[in-house]
Protein backbone atom coordinates (compact mmCIF):
# COMPACT_ATOMS: atom_id res chain seq x y z
CA UNK A 1 117.90 81.81 94.79
CA UNK A 2 118.94 78.49 96.34
CA UNK A 3 122.60 79.56 96.30
CA UNK A 4 121.75 82.81 98.10
CA UNK A 5 119.77 80.86 100.71
CA UNK A 6 122.72 78.53 101.33
CA UNK A 7 125.06 81.51 101.72
CA UNK A 8 122.70 83.17 104.22
CA UNK A 9 122.43 79.98 106.28
CA UNK A 10 126.19 79.43 106.28
CA UNK A 11 126.85 83.05 107.28
CA UNK A 12 124.35 82.77 110.12
CA UNK A 13 125.96 79.58 111.39
CA UNK A 14 129.45 81.10 111.06
CA UNK A 15 128.34 84.21 112.95
CA UNK A 16 126.86 82.18 115.78
CA UNK A 17 130.00 80.02 115.97
CA UNK A 18 132.16 83.13 116.12
CA UNK A 19 130.01 84.59 118.90
CA UNK A 20 130.27 81.37 120.90
CA UNK A 21 134.04 81.25 120.41
CA UNK A 22 134.44 84.87 121.53
CA UNK A 23 132.17 84.24 124.51
CA UNK A 24 134.43 81.37 125.64
CA UNK A 25 137.66 83.32 125.27
CA UNK A 26 140.39 82.28 126.31
CA UNK A 27 139.08 78.76 126.93
CA UNK A 28 139.43 76.19 124.13
CA UNK A 29 142.25 78.24 122.60
CA UNK A 30 146.03 77.74 122.58
CA UNK A 31 146.34 80.47 125.26
CA UNK A 32 144.35 78.45 127.80
CA UNK A 33 147.43 76.52 128.99
CA UNK A 34 149.15 79.75 130.08
CA UNK A 35 146.44 80.69 132.60
CA UNK A 36 146.89 80.38 136.34
CA UNK A 37 144.12 79.00 138.56
CA UNK A 38 143.07 82.50 139.62
CA UNK A 39 142.97 83.74 136.02
CA UNK A 40 140.85 80.71 135.07
CA UNK A 41 138.37 81.49 137.85
CA UNK A 42 138.13 85.16 136.86
CA UNK A 43 137.70 84.34 133.17
CA UNK A 44 135.10 81.67 133.91
CA UNK A 45 133.01 84.13 135.98
CA UNK A 46 133.30 86.74 133.24
CA UNK A 47 132.30 84.22 130.57
CA UNK A 48 129.16 83.20 132.50
CA UNK A 49 127.99 86.82 132.53
CA UNK A 50 128.95 87.21 128.88
CA UNK A 51 127.04 84.05 127.91
CA UNK A 52 123.84 85.37 129.49
CA UNK A 53 124.17 88.68 127.64
CA UNK A 54 125.02 86.98 124.33
CA UNK A 55 122.16 84.51 124.73
CA UNK A 56 119.72 87.38 125.18
CA UNK A 57 121.10 89.55 122.36
CA UNK A 58 121.51 86.89 119.68
CA UNK A 59 117.81 86.06 119.08
CA UNK A 60 116.94 89.75 118.91
CA UNK A 61 119.68 90.46 116.36
CA UNK A 62 118.65 87.43 114.30
CA UNK A 63 114.97 88.47 114.45
CA UNK A 64 115.83 91.89 113.08
CA UNK A 65 118.06 90.40 110.35
CA UNK A 66 115.43 87.86 109.32
CA UNK A 67 112.74 90.56 109.33
CA UNK A 68 114.80 92.81 107.07
CA UNK A 69 115.58 89.85 104.81
CA UNK A 70 111.91 88.91 104.68
CA UNK A 71 110.83 92.39 103.69
CA UNK A 72 113.57 92.75 101.09
CA UNK A 73 112.76 89.40 99.47
CA UNK A 74 109.05 90.25 99.48
CA UNK A 75 109.34 93.74 98.00
CA UNK A 76 112.53 93.45 95.93
CA UNK A 77 112.74 93.31 92.15
CA UNK A 78 113.00 89.51 92.30
CA UNK A 79 110.31 89.02 94.93
CA UNK A 80 110.00 85.50 96.31
CA UNK A 81 106.92 84.93 98.44
CA UNK A 82 108.08 81.58 99.82
CA UNK A 83 111.44 82.99 100.99
CA UNK A 84 109.68 85.99 102.54
CA UNK A 85 107.28 83.76 104.48
CA UNK A 86 110.08 81.45 105.68
CA UNK A 87 112.26 84.35 106.82
CA UNK A 88 109.25 85.99 108.48
CA UNK A 89 108.59 82.74 110.32
CA UNK A 90 112.22 82.56 111.43
CA UNK A 91 111.94 86.14 112.66
CA UNK A 92 108.82 85.29 114.65
CA UNK A 93 110.52 82.25 116.20
CA UNK A 94 113.54 84.37 117.18
CA UNK A 95 111.27 86.97 118.80
CA UNK A 96 109.53 84.18 120.73
CA UNK A 97 112.86 82.78 121.95
CA UNK A 98 113.96 86.29 122.97
CA UNK A 99 110.72 86.85 124.91
CA UNK A 100 111.06 83.46 126.63
CA UNK A 101 114.64 84.21 127.67
CA UNK A 102 113.69 87.60 129.07
CA UNK A 103 110.68 86.16 130.91
CA UNK A 104 112.77 83.34 132.39
CA UNK A 105 115.44 85.84 133.50
CA UNK A 106 112.86 87.93 135.37
CA UNK A 107 111.50 84.91 137.21
CA UNK A 108 114.90 83.92 138.59
CA UNK A 109 115.64 87.20 140.31
CA UNK A 110 114.33 87.58 143.85
C-alpha cells in the first residue's frame, strides 16, 4: 500500500508540474530566445489569464480525484480506512481552497 501511495503522490506532483510548465509556455523553454518584444508581451498577457483559470480548475480536479480515490480505497476489496480518511481530508482541503479562490475572485471585480 505504501508503494501505491508514493506513486499517487509522485503522479500528482508530476501533473501539477506539467500544468505549471504548460501555463508558462513559451517562457522558460528553449524557444523563449526567439520571441520578439511584442510576442513576449502577448504571451505574458495570455499566461496571466491562463494562470488564473488553471489555479481555479486545479483544486477542483484534485478534489474530485481524491474523493474518488477515497471512496475506492474505502469500499474496495483491500479496503484501507486510514488511506480513505487521508484522501477524504485532502479532498476537503482542495474543496476549501477552490471555494476560497472563487470567493476572492468575486471580491476583486467591481
